Structure formats: structure tokens, C-alpha cells
Amino acid sequence: MRLSDNQNIAQVSLALEALSHRKGIPLSFLINKLKLGDPAITTIVAGRLATTRESKTAQVLIDAYGNFRAPRDIEPMEAIIAALDSIGSAKAVTFLEREIDNPFPPIQKAAQHALRHITGKEYPLSDSAATNLIRYDFKLAVKTTRPKLKIHTTKGSFVIELFPDKAPVTVANFVQLADSGFYNNIYFHRVVPGFVVQAGDPRGDGWGGPGYTIPCEYNDIFYDRGTVGMATAGKDTGGSQFFITHTPQPHLNGRYTAFGKVISGMDVVDHIEVFDKILRTEQVN
């Protein structure tokens, strides 16, 4: 528990995740963590509160919900609604009736399920849609050209060829972030040997991003060895985190936006480990 009081927010989330299944964690400790307003910590704590089913935590969860917005924070928002569903407190009904009109379908459906469980009544879903928090306003690359980015890491360099003809918004976003220096000194926070390496999170625990989301652009690019994909937490929740496949992964096809391929330096990608770092990026011919 000492590590969960660290000033490093990523370390706090990782420590809480390790504690999440242990017995004897004081309720007051969990409630205080909710007040941090962090998406990772809130998701973990809401999951634990869902199992305690303490009715007195309902209002605390509702208050914590105000720290987040969709689609960027879909995960903690869904986790809070799921906890309220599990707790089953009538105190949550007014809040859930409001969220059933949320313009994001995952929130609507979670609120509908919770209301059905708590009240025993059926609530129709809203047909509204929202795109105002999803960015499209990037300078798009010419679709007849394929930009190349050289990524310098602590293990060496590799080059990615990007496919604006297949994923124009995703490529434009990636290039803009790279050109701005966003990826400089960011760690590879996830490495699954034989599967993927993943980077692009300024926090370092898998919960960070650029502060906005971009739309998914599903296409016919096959997830072969060296394919570059956009990591998401659900539809239209991509941002800055990207992954590179070690081996063919057909189960990813059509599920995550593929937008590039490593064309040189794949041996470098093969040797990347967790906490290896992106030093800088540059466009090359």
C-alpha cells in the first residue's frame, strides 16, 4: 500500500492493480483514491467497489464520474456505471437516467442495463450521436504518397512506411504528433514477445494519450509481421498509442486501425523491451 501513495501517478495505478484482489483494503483508502480523478485509478477502484456493494459509495462514484468525458475516458465512465449497477442503490437512478441520453452508445447501454437492474423498468435508448470530442481536423497527407518515419530508440532505429490511402486521419495524427516531438523520450510500456510492442503513452502505464481521440479507420491491411496499428479502448478511442506486431495476427484484422508497416529495422523492434525508449522521430525520404 505504501507504493500506492507514491507521487508518480502511473506507479500508483500499477500498485493499486496489484492490490485490487487483496482482502482487507479499507473503504476509506479506496474512496480517497477516487478523488485523484485519474482514469486508470478510477477504473481499478470502481471495479473493487463493485464487489463490495456498499451503498454509501454510490454518491462518491457519481461525484468521481464528473472528472471524465467520453470518448476519451470511456473506460472509467463504464467502470463507474458498472459499479453502480452492482451496488444497486436507488441513489443512482437520477444520474443513470441522465446518462441514458449520453451521446456515446457504450455509456447509454451501460446506463440502460443498470437502470433495468435497479428499477425493474425498461428505458429506451437515445438515438443521438456525438463526434464533437473526436478530432478529424488534421492536415491530411497526399494519398498518392506514403510518408516514412524513422524512429530512433535506445535499441536502434527502424523506419515505418505510413498508408494515408488506407487510414488518412490516423496517419495525419501520427505524423503531427511525431513532428511536434510528442513521442520523444516516451517508453515502450508494453511488450508481449511474439505478439506486439506498444508505445505512445506519456504516462507510461498504458492509460495516457494526447488529450483527444480520433476515429477508427478499419481497412483491408492484413496484420502481418511489422504492421503498425492504433491501440484503442473501444471504437473511436485511439490517440497516440500505437503497436507493432512481431508475427502475423489475423485476429486483429478489421478490429484495430492498421496504418503503417515497418520497412527496415524490424530486428530492432524484435529486441525492444519494456522501458526501452523512443529518443526522437524524423520524416525520411
C-alpha atoms as a PDB file:
ATOM      1  CA  MET A   1       0.000   0.000   0.000  1.00  0.00           C
ATOM      2  CA  ARG A   2       2.977   2.307   0.515  1.00  0.00           C
ATOM      3  CA  LEU A   3       3.662   2.350  -3.236  1.00  0.00           C
ATOM      4  CA  SER A   4       0.072   3.361  -3.928  1.00  0.00           C
ATOM      5  CA  ASP A   5       0.746   6.657  -2.133  1.00  0.00           C
ATOM      6  CA  ASN A   6       3.635   7.494  -4.466  1.00  0.00           C
ATOM      7  CA  GLN A   7       3.658  10.833  -6.289  1.00  0.00           C
ATOM      8  CA  ASN A   8       4.130   9.046  -9.622  1.00  0.00           C
ATOM      9  CA  ILE A   9       0.557   8.531 -10.817  1.00  0.00           C
ATOM     10  CA  ALA A  10       1.479   5.630 -13.104  1.00  0.00           C
ATOM     11  CA  GLN A  11       3.136   3.821 -10.208  1.00  0.00           C
ATOM     12  CA  VAL A  12       0.046   4.404  -8.078  1.00  0.00           C
ATOM     13  CA  SER A  13      -2.184   2.783 -10.694  1.00  0.00           C
ATOM     14  CA  LEU A  14       0.109  -0.225 -11.030  1.00  0.00           C
ATOM     15  CA  ALA A  15       0.302  -0.648  -7.239  1.00  0.00           C
ATOM     16  CA  LEU A  16      -3.485  -0.436  -6.919  1.00  0.00           C
ATOM     17  CA  GLU A  17      -3.919  -3.009  -9.645  1.00  0.00           C
ATOM     18  CA  ALA A  18      -1.686  -5.369  -7.674  1.00  0.00           C
ATOM     19  CA  LEU A  19      -3.787  -4.706  -4.552  1.00  0.00           C
ATOM     20  CA  SER A  20      -7.173  -4.937  -6.272  1.00  0.00           C
ATOM     21  CA  HIS A  21      -7.852  -8.591  -5.364  1.00  0.00           C
ATOM     22  CA  ARG A  22      -6.490  -8.495  -1.821  1.00  0.00           C
ATOM     23  CA  LYS A  23      -8.821  -8.566   1.165  1.00  0.00           C
ATOM     24  CA  GLY A  24      -8.828  -6.032   3.957  1.00  0.00           C
ATOM     25  CA  ILE A  25      -8.325  -2.852   1.904  1.00  0.00           C
ATOM     26  CA  PRO A  26     -10.053  -0.057   3.889  1.00  0.00           C
ATOM     27  CA  LEU A  27     -13.024   1.522   2.137  1.00  0.00           C
ATOM     28  CA  SER A  28     -11.776   4.980   3.083  1.00  0.00           C
ATOM     29  CA  PHE A  29      -8.483   4.246   1.298  1.00  0.00           C
ATOM     30  CA  LEU A  30     -10.310   3.377  -1.934  1.00  0.00           C
ATOM     31  CA  ILE A  31     -12.598   6.415  -1.704  1.00  0.00           C
ATOM     32  CA  ASN A  32      -9.608   8.726  -1.292  1.00  0.00           C
ATOM     33  CA  LYS A  33      -8.032   7.281  -4.422  1.00  0.00           C
ATOM     34  CA  LEU A  34     -11.194   8.093  -6.397  1.00  0.00           C
ATOM     35  CA  LYS A  35     -10.694  11.740  -5.506  1.00  0.00           C
ATOM     36  CA  LEU A  36      -7.480  11.816  -7.551  1.00  0.00           C
ATOM     37  CA  GLY A  37      -9.610  11.930 -10.690  1.00  0.00           C
ATOM     38  CA  ASP A  38      -7.262   9.665 -12.614  1.00  0.00           C
ATOM     39  CA  PRO A  39      -8.816   7.365 -15.276  1.00  0.00           C
ATOM     40  CA  ALA A  40      -6.689   4.301 -14.520  1.00  0.00           C
ATOM     41  CA  ILE A  41      -7.057   4.578 -10.751  1.00  0.00           C
ATOM     42  CA  THR A  42     -10.792   5.237 -11.020  1.00  0.00           C
ATOM     43  CA  THR A  43     -11.314   2.172 -13.233  1.00  0.00           C
ATOM     44  CA  ILE A  44      -9.422  -0.052 -10.785  1.00  0.00           C
ATOM     45  CA  VAL A  45     -11.158   1.335  -7.692  1.00  0.00           C
ATOM     46  CA  ALA A  46     -14.628   1.226  -9.281  1.00  0.00           C
ATOM     47  CA  GLY A  47     -14.049  -2.437 -10.092  1.00  0.00           C
ATOM     48  CA  ARG A  48     -13.226  -3.120  -6.442  1.00  0.00           C
ATOM     49  CA  LEU A  49     -16.216  -1.129  -5.169  1.00  0.00           C
ATOM     50  CA  ALA A  50     -18.460  -3.127  -7.482  1.00  0.00           C
ATOM     51  CA  THR A  51     -17.548  -6.226  -5.474  1.00  0.00           C
ATOM     52  CA  THR A  52     -18.048  -4.584  -2.052  1.00  0.00           C
ATOM     53  CA  ARG A  53     -21.576  -3.408  -2.994  1.00  0.00           C
ATOM     54  CA  GLU A  54     -21.507  -0.741  -0.279  1.00  0.00           C
ATOM     55  CA  SER A  55     -24.447   1.609  -0.902  1.00  0.00           C
ATOM     56  CA  LYS A  56     -22.607   4.516   0.746  1.00  0.00           C
ATOM     57  CA  THR A  57     -20.093   4.528  -2.119  1.00  0.00           C
ATOM     58  CA  ALA A  58     -22.743   5.290  -4.759  1.00  0.00           C
ATOM     59  CA  GLN A  59     -22.574   9.076  -4.377  1.00  0.00           C
ATOM     60  CA  VAL A  60     -18.774   9.019  -4.271  1.00  0.00           C
ATOM     61  CA  LEU A  61     -18.739   7.168  -7.585  1.00  0.00           C
ATOM     62  CA  ILE A  62     -21.229   9.608  -9.111  1.00  0.00           C
ATOM     63  CA  ASP A  63     -19.077  12.531  -7.967  1.00  0.00           C
ATOM     64  CA  ALA A  64     -15.976  10.906  -9.460  1.00  0.00           C
ATOM     65  CA  TYR A  65     -17.770  10.498 -12.806  1.00  0.00           C
ATOM     66  CA  GLY A  66     -17.696  14.257 -13.273  1.00  0.00           C
ATOM     67  CA  ASN A  67     -13.927  14.139 -13.808  1.00  0.00           C
ATOM     68  CA  PHE A  68     -14.261  12.351 -17.135  1.00  0.00           C
ATOM     69  CA  ARG A  69     -15.616  12.799 -20.617  1.00  0.00           C
ATOM     70  CA  ALA A  70     -16.328  10.455 -23.499  1.00  0.00           C
ATOM     71  CA  PRO A  71     -14.952   9.065 -25.692  1.00  0.00           C
ATOM     72  CA  ARG A  72     -11.514   9.724 -24.222  1.00  0.00           C
ATOM     73  CA  ASP A  73     -12.470   8.333 -20.806  1.00  0.00           C
ATOM     74  CA  ILE A  74     -14.921   5.600 -21.804  1.00  0.00           C
ATOM     75  CA  GLU A  75     -13.223   3.005 -19.570  1.00  0.00           C
ATOM     76  CA  PRO A  76     -13.540   4.784 -16.183  1.00  0.00           C
ATOM     77  CA  MET A  77     -17.026   6.005 -17.086  1.00  0.00           C
ATOM     78  CA  GLU A  78     -18.203   2.491 -17.920  1.00  0.00           C
ATOM     79  CA  ALA A  79     -16.481   1.161 -14.786  1.00  0.00           C
ATOM     80  CA  ILE A  80     -18.341   3.655 -12.581  1.00  0.00           C
ATOM     81  CA  ILE A  81     -21.709   2.811 -14.128  1.00  0.00           C
ATOM     82  CA  ALA A  82     -20.970  -0.909 -13.793  1.00  0.00           C
ATOM     83  CA  ALA A  83     -20.148  -0.389 -10.104  1.00  0.00           C
ATOM     84  CA  LEU A  84     -23.412   1.489  -9.576  1.00  0.00           C
ATOM     85  CA  ASP A  85     -25.206  -1.342 -11.367  1.00  0.00           C
ATOM     86  CA  SER A  86     -23.616  -3.857  -8.992  1.00  0.00           C
ATOM     87  CA  ILE A  87     -24.331  -1.774  -5.889  1.00  0.00           C
ATOM     88  CA  GLY A  88     -27.962  -1.348  -6.941  1.00  0.00           C
ATOM     89  CA  SER A  89     -28.613   1.814  -4.950  1.00  0.00           C
ATOM     90  CA  ALA A  90     -31.689   3.889  -5.772  1.00  0.00           C
ATOM     91  CA  LYS A  91     -29.493   6.950  -5.226  1.00  0.00           C
ATOM     92  CA  ALA A  92     -28.013   6.330  -8.667  1.00  0.00           C
ATOM     93  CA  VAL A  93     -31.302   6.380 -10.612  1.00  0.00           C
ATOM     94  CA  THR A  94     -31.404  10.113 -11.399  1.00  0.00           C
ATOM     95  CA  PHE A  95     -27.779  10.065 -12.505  1.00  0.00           C
ATOM     96  CA  LEU A  96     -28.317   6.995 -14.690  1.00  0.00           C
ATOM     97  CA  GLU A  97     -31.463   8.465 -16.271  1.00  0.00           C
ATOM     98  CA  ARG A  98     -29.327  11.380 -17.387  1.00  0.00           C
ATOM     99  CA  GLU A  99     -26.597   9.137 -18.760  1.00  0.00           C
ATOM    100  CA  ILE A 100     -29.014   7.063 -20.805  1.00  0.00           C
ATOM    101  CA  ASP A 101     -29.142  10.148 -23.043  1.00  0.00           C
ATOM    102  CA  ASN A 102     -25.353  10.307 -23.266  1.00  0.00           C
ATOM    103  CA  PRO A 103     -24.449  10.564 -26.967  1.00  0.00           C
ATOM    104  CA  PHE A 104     -21.969   7.692 -26.730  1.00  0.00           C
ATOM    105  CA  PRO A 105     -23.578   4.244 -27.177  1.00  0.00           C
ATOM    106  CA  PRO A 106     -21.362   2.327 -24.692  1.00  0.00           C
ATOM    107  CA  ILE A 107     -22.440   4.737 -21.930  1.00  0.00           C
ATOM    108  CA  GLN A 108     -26.098   4.574 -22.975  1.00  0.00           C
ATOM    109  CA  LYS A 109     -26.149   0.791 -22.909  1.00  0.00           C
ATOM    110  CA  ALA A 110     -24.356   0.539 -19.558  1.00  0.00           C
ATOM    111  CA  ALA A 111     -26.792   3.045 -18.019  1.00  0.00           C
ATOM    112  CA  GLN A 112     -29.785   1.226 -19.518  1.00  0.00           C
ATOM    113  CA  HIS A 113     -28.643  -2.081 -18.024  1.00  0.00           C
ATOM    114  CA  ALA A 114     -28.057  -0.518 -14.609  1.00  0.00           C
ATOM    115  CA  LEU A 115     -31.487   1.153 -14.603  1.00  0.00           C
ATOM    116  CA  ARG A 116     -33.182  -2.093 -15.567  1.00  0.00           C
ATOM    117  CA  HIS A 117     -31.404  -3.853 -12.708  1.00  0.00           C
ATOM    118  CA  ILE A 118     -32.137  -1.173 -10.112  1.00  0.00           C
ATOM    119  CA  THR A 119     -35.708  -0.206 -11.050  1.00  0.00           C
ATOM    120  CA  GLY A 120     -37.002  -3.230 -12.948  1.00  0.00           C
ATOM    121  CA  LYS A 121     -38.205  -0.882 -15.696  1.00  0.00           C
ATOM    122  CA  GLU A 122     -37.284  -0.632 -19.375  1.00  0.00           C
ATOM    123  CA  TYR A 123     -35.671   2.562 -20.652  1.00  0.00           C
ATOM    124  CA  PRO A 124     -35.411   3.322 -24.391  1.00  0.00           C
ATOM    125  CA  LEU A 125     -32.021   4.335 -25.746  1.00  0.00           C
ATOM    126  CA  SER A 126     -31.404   7.766 -27.225  1.00  0.00           C
ATOM    127  CA  ASP A 127     -30.640   7.917 -30.937  1.00  0.00           C
ATOM    128  CA  SER A 128     -28.327  10.916 -30.576  1.00  0.00           C
ATOM    129  CA  ALA A 129     -24.730  10.708 -31.766  1.00  0.00           C
ATOM    130  CA  ALA A 130     -21.608  12.577 -30.803  1.00  0.00           C
ATOM    131  CA  THR A 131     -18.491  13.402 -32.734  1.00  0.00           C
ATOM    132  CA  ASN A 132     -17.532  16.724 -31.162  1.00  0.00           C
ATOM    133  CA  LEU A 133     -14.802  15.213 -28.972  1.00  0.00           C
ATOM    134  CA  ILE A 134     -13.325  13.152 -31.780  1.00  0.00           C
ATOM    135  CA  ARG A 135     -10.712  15.001 -33.821  1.00  0.00           C
ATOM    136  CA  TYR A 136     -10.783  14.988 -37.616  1.00  0.00           C
ATOM    137  CA  ASP A 137      -9.095  18.340 -38.216  1.00  0.00           C
ATOM    138  CA  PHE A 138      -5.654  17.178 -39.286  1.00  0.00           C
ATOM    139  CA  LYS A 139      -3.712  18.233 -42.355  1.00  0.00           C
ATOM    140  CA  LEU A 140      -4.062  15.071 -44.404  1.00  0.00           C
ATOM    141  CA  ALA A 141      -1.150  13.603 -46.334  1.00  0.00           C
ATOM    142  CA  VAL A 142      -1.495  13.309 -50.098  1.00  0.00           C
ATOM    143  CA  LYS A 143      -2.986   9.870 -50.624  1.00  0.00           C
ATOM    144  CA  THR A 144      -0.706   9.130 -53.569  1.00  0.00           C
ATOM    145  CA  THR A 145       2.394   9.435 -51.382  1.00  0.00           C
ATOM    146  CA  ARG A 146       3.377   7.315 -48.419  1.00  0.00           C
ATOM    147  CA  PRO A 147       5.280   9.221 -45.706  1.00  0.00           C
ATOM    148  CA  LYS A 148       8.094   7.449 -43.888  1.00  0.00           C
ATOM    149  CA  LEU A 149       9.037   7.985 -40.263  1.00  0.00           C
ATOM    150  CA  LYS A 150      12.337   6.939 -38.769  1.00  0.00           C
ATOM    151  CA  ILE A 151      12.010   6.150 -35.073  1.00  0.00           C
ATOM    152  CA  HIS A 152      15.218   6.278 -33.060  1.00  0.00           C
ATOM    153  CA  THR A 153      15.157   4.188 -29.876  1.00  0.00           C
ATOM    154  CA  THR A 154      17.561   3.087 -27.187  1.00  0.00           C
ATOM    155  CA  LYS A 155      17.871  -0.206 -29.082  1.00  0.00           C
ATOM    156  CA  GLY A 156      18.488   1.339 -32.511  1.00  0.00           C
ATOM    157  CA  SER A 157      16.341   2.743 -35.308  1.00  0.00           C
ATOM    158  CA  PHE A 158      13.561   1.479 -37.544  1.00  0.00           C
ATOM    159  CA  VAL A 159      11.532   3.010 -40.372  1.00  0.00           C
ATOM    160  CA  ILE A 160       7.741   2.929 -40.712  1.00  0.00           C
ATOM    161  CA  GLU A 161       6.003   3.491 -44.033  1.00  0.00           C
ATOM    162  CA  LEU A 162       2.573   5.037 -43.491  1.00  0.00           C
ATOM    163  CA  PHE A 163      -0.593   4.420 -45.533  1.00  0.00           C
ATOM    164  CA  PRO A 164      -2.704   7.600 -45.839  1.00  0.00           C
ATOM    165  CA  ASP A 165      -4.683   5.930 -48.617  1.00  0.00           C
ATOM    166  CA  LYS A 166      -5.967   3.405 -46.052  1.00  0.00           C
ATOM    167  CA  ALA A 167      -6.161   5.494 -42.855  1.00  0.00           C
ATOM    168  CA  PRO A 168      -5.841   9.213 -43.670  1.00  0.00           C
ATOM    169  CA  VAL A 169      -6.848  10.662 -40.292  1.00  0.00           C
ATOM    170  CA  THR A 170      -4.771   8.174 -38.303  1.00  0.00           C
ATOM    171  CA  VAL A 171      -1.685   8.836 -40.425  1.00  0.00           C
ATOM    172  CA  ALA A 172      -2.141  12.614 -40.230  1.00  0.00           C
ATOM    173  CA  ASN A 173      -2.492  12.427 -36.448  1.00  0.00           C
ATOM    174  CA  PHE A 174       0.575  10.192 -36.108  1.00  0.00           C
ATOM    175  CA  VAL A 175       2.720  12.471 -38.286  1.00  0.00           C
ATOM    176  CA  GLN A 176       1.561  15.572 -36.443  1.00  0.00           C
ATOM    177  CA  LEU A 177       2.409  14.055 -33.065  1.00  0.00           C
ATOM    178  CA  ALA A 178       5.792  12.869 -34.325  1.00  0.00           C
ATOM    179  CA  ASP A 179       6.652  16.233 -35.874  1.00  0.00           C
ATOM    180  CA  SER A 180       5.724  18.027 -32.642  1.00  0.00           C
ATOM    181  CA  GLY A 181       8.142  15.875 -30.618  1.00  0.00           C
ATOM    182  CA  PHE A 182       5.322  14.203 -28.705  1.00  0.00           C
ATOM    183  CA  TYR A 183       6.965  10.765 -28.909  1.00  0.00           C
ATOM    184  CA  ASN A 184      10.406  11.920 -27.817  1.00  0.00           C
ATOM    185  CA  ASN A 185      11.538  10.173 -24.609  1.00  0.00           C
ATOM    186  CA  ILE A 186       8.382   8.051 -24.333  1.00  0.00           C
ATOM    187  CA  TYR A 187       8.845   4.447 -23.182  1.00  0.00           C
ATOM    188  CA  PHE A 188       7.651   1.242 -24.776  1.00  0.00           C
ATOM    189  CA  HIS A 189       5.289   0.371 -21.935  1.00  0.00           C
ATOM    190  CA  ARG A 190       4.011  -2.951 -23.279  1.00  0.00           C
ATOM    191  CA  VAL A 191       5.956  -5.801 -24.862  1.00  0.00           C
ATOM    192  CA  VAL A 192       4.437  -9.230 -25.458  1.00  0.00           C
ATOM    193  CA  PRO A 193       7.094 -11.426 -27.128  1.00  0.00           C
ATOM    194  CA  GLY A 194       5.833 -12.963 -30.338  1.00  0.00           C
ATOM    195  CA  PHE A 195       2.861 -10.600 -30.370  1.00  0.00           C
ATOM    196  CA  VAL A 196       3.426  -6.819 -30.139  1.00  0.00           C
ATOM    197  CA  VAL A 197       5.446  -3.934 -28.802  1.00  0.00           C
ATOM    198  CA  GLN A 198       3.460  -0.839 -27.813  1.00  0.00           C
ATOM    199  CA  ALA A 199       4.386   2.781 -27.142  1.00  0.00           C
ATOM    200  CA  GLY A 200       2.960   6.290 -27.296  1.00  0.00           C
ATOM    201  CA  ASP A 201       1.767   6.728 -23.717  1.00  0.00           C
ATOM    202  CA  PRO A 202       3.290   9.774 -21.980  1.00  0.00           C
ATOM    203  CA  ARG A 203       2.229   8.347 -18.594  1.00  0.00           C
ATOM    204  CA  GLY A 204       3.935   5.005 -19.118  1.00  0.00           C
ATOM    205  CA  ASP A 205       1.229   2.723 -17.707  1.00  0.00           C
ATOM    206  CA  GLY A 206      -0.991   2.301 -20.764  1.00  0.00           C
ATOM    207  CA  TRP A 207      -3.561   4.917 -19.756  1.00  0.00           C
ATOM    208  CA  GLY A 208      -2.119   8.051 -21.319  1.00  0.00           C
ATOM    209  CA  GLY A 209      -2.783   9.837 -24.587  1.00  0.00           C
ATOM    210  CA  PRO A 210      -2.725  13.193 -26.354  1.00  0.00           C
ATOM    211  CA  GLY A 211      -5.878  14.552 -24.667  1.00  0.00           C
ATOM    212  CA  TYR A 212      -8.256  13.789 -27.535  1.00  0.00           C
ATOM    213  CA  THR A 213      -9.377  10.804 -29.593  1.00  0.00           C
ATOM    214  CA  ILE A 214      -9.502  10.023 -33.298  1.00  0.00           C
ATOM    215  CA  PRO A 215     -11.942   7.903 -35.319  1.00  0.00           C
ATOM    216  CA  CYS A 216     -11.257   4.288 -36.159  1.00  0.00           C
ATOM    217  CA  GLU A 217     -10.478   3.687 -39.844  1.00  0.00           C
ATOM    218  CA  TYR A 218     -10.944  -0.027 -40.382  1.00  0.00           C
ATOM    219  CA  ASN A 219      -9.432  -1.216 -43.643  1.00  0.00           C
ATOM    220  CA  ASP A 220      -8.125  -4.262 -45.503  1.00  0.00           C
ATOM    221  CA  ILE A 221      -4.499  -4.100 -44.333  1.00  0.00           C
ATOM    222  CA  PHE A 222      -3.524  -7.535 -43.023  1.00  0.00           C
ATOM    223  CA  TYR A 223      -1.846  -7.627 -39.621  1.00  0.00           C
ATOM    224  CA  ASP A 224       1.352  -9.243 -40.839  1.00  0.00           C
ATOM    225  CA  ARG A 225       4.763  -9.113 -39.169  1.00  0.00           C
ATOM    226  CA  GLY A 226       5.740  -5.459 -38.722  1.00  0.00           C
ATOM    227  CA  THR A 227       2.256  -3.984 -39.212  1.00  0.00           C
ATOM    228  CA  VAL A 228       1.640  -0.787 -37.234  1.00  0.00           C
ATOM    229  CA  GLY A 229      -1.762  -0.395 -35.590  1.00  0.00           C
ATOM    230  CA  MET A 230      -3.539   2.171 -33.438  1.00  0.00           C
ATOM    231  CA  ALA A 231      -4.228   0.988 -29.878  1.00  0.00           C
ATOM    232  CA  THR A 232      -7.720   1.745 -28.575  1.00  0.00           C
ATOM    233  CA  ALA A 233     -10.033   1.128 -25.642  1.00  0.00           C
ATOM    234  CA  GLY A 234     -13.010   0.792 -27.974  1.00  0.00           C
ATOM    235  CA  LYS A 235     -14.381   2.364 -31.130  1.00  0.00           C
ATOM    236  CA  ASP A 236     -13.080   5.877 -31.866  1.00  0.00           C
ATOM    237  CA  THR A 237     -10.830   5.999 -28.766  1.00  0.00           C
ATOM    238  CA  GLY A 238      -7.418   5.995 -30.465  1.00  0.00           C
ATOM    239  CA  GLY A 239      -4.977   8.815 -29.857  1.00  0.00           C
ATOM    240  CA  SER A 240      -1.234   8.391 -29.592  1.00  0.00           C
ATOM    241  CA  GLN A 241      -0.608   4.793 -28.537  1.00  0.00           C
ATOM    242  CA  PHE A 242       0.482   2.509 -31.353  1.00  0.00           C
ATOM    243  CA  PHE A 243       1.686  -1.077 -31.576  1.00  0.00           C
ATOM    244  CA  ILE A 244       3.846  -3.106 -33.950  1.00  0.00           C
ATOM    245  CA  THR A 245       3.205  -6.806 -34.491  1.00  0.00           C
ATOM    246  CA  HIS A 246       6.032  -9.319 -34.125  1.00  0.00           C
ATOM    247  CA  THR A 247       4.228 -12.016 -36.107  1.00  0.00           C
ATOM    248  CA  PRO A 248       1.061 -12.297 -38.257  1.00  0.00           C
ATOM    249  CA  GLN A 249      -2.020 -11.590 -36.118  1.00  0.00           C
ATOM    250  CA  PRO A 250      -5.131 -12.178 -38.253  1.00  0.00           C
ATOM    251  CA  HIS A 251      -7.463 -11.819 -35.272  1.00  0.00           C
ATOM    252  CA  LEU A 252      -6.609  -8.090 -35.243  1.00  0.00           C
ATOM    253  CA  ASN A 253      -7.745  -7.590 -38.844  1.00  0.00           C
ATOM    254  CA  GLY A 254     -10.633  -5.127 -39.049  1.00  0.00           C
ATOM    255  CA  ARG A 255     -10.623  -4.596 -35.281  1.00  0.00           C
ATOM    256  CA  TYR A 256      -7.826  -2.048 -34.921  1.00  0.00           C
ATOM    257  CA  THR A 257      -6.852   0.601 -37.455  1.00  0.00           C
ATOM    258  CA  ALA A 258      -3.756  -0.547 -39.333  1.00  0.00           C
ATOM    259  CA  PHE A 259      -1.901   2.452 -40.753  1.00  0.00           C
ATOM    260  CA  GLY A 260       1.696   1.507 -41.480  1.00  0.00           C
ATOM    261  CA  LYS A 261       4.394  -1.120 -41.751  1.00  0.00           C
ATOM    262  CA  VAL A 262       7.992  -1.384 -40.605  1.00  0.00           C
ATOM    263  CA  ILE A 263      10.067  -1.490 -43.811  1.00  0.00           C
ATOM    264  CA  SER A 264      13.524  -1.541 -42.212  1.00  0.00           C
ATOM    265  CA  GLY A 265      14.910  -2.213 -38.754  1.00  0.00           C
ATOM    266  CA  MET A 266      12.462  -4.951 -37.790  1.00  0.00           C
ATOM    267  CA  ASP A 267      15.359  -6.646 -35.998  1.00  0.00           C
ATOM    268  CA  VAL A 268      15.453  -3.608 -33.714  1.00  0.00           C
ATOM    269  CA  VAL A 269      11.724  -3.974 -32.984  1.00  0.00           C
ATOM    270  CA  ASP A 270      12.320  -7.649 -32.135  1.00  0.00           C
ATOM    271  CA  HIS A 271      14.790  -6.663 -29.393  1.00  0.00           C
ATOM    272  CA  ILE A 272      12.752  -3.876 -27.786  1.00  0.00           C
ATOM    273  CA  GLU A 273      11.936  -4.487 -24.119  1.00  0.00           C
ATOM    274  CA  VAL A 274       9.672  -2.719 -21.630  1.00  0.00           C
ATOM    275  CA  PHE A 275      11.173   0.660 -20.677  1.00  0.00           C
ATOM    276  CA  ASP A 276      13.233   0.951 -23.815  1.00  0.00           C
ATOM    277  CA  LYS A 277      12.625   4.478 -25.022  1.00  0.00           C
ATOM    278  CA  ILE A 278      11.812   6.387 -28.192  1.00  0.00           C
ATOM    279  CA  LEU A 279      14.520   9.038 -28.391  1.00  0.00           C
ATOM    280  CA  ARG A 280      13.205  11.005 -31.369  1.00  0.00           C
ATOM    281  CA  THR A 281      11.396  10.665 -34.676  1.00  0.00           C
ATOM    282  CA  GLU A 282      12.047  12.170 -38.091  1.00  0.00           C
ATOM    283  CA  GLN A 283      10.480  12.056 -41.530  1.00  0.00           C
ATOM    284  CA  VAL A 284      12.728  10.471 -44.177  1.00  0.00           C
ATOM    285  CA  ASN A 285      12.572  10.014 -47.918  1.00  0.00           C
END
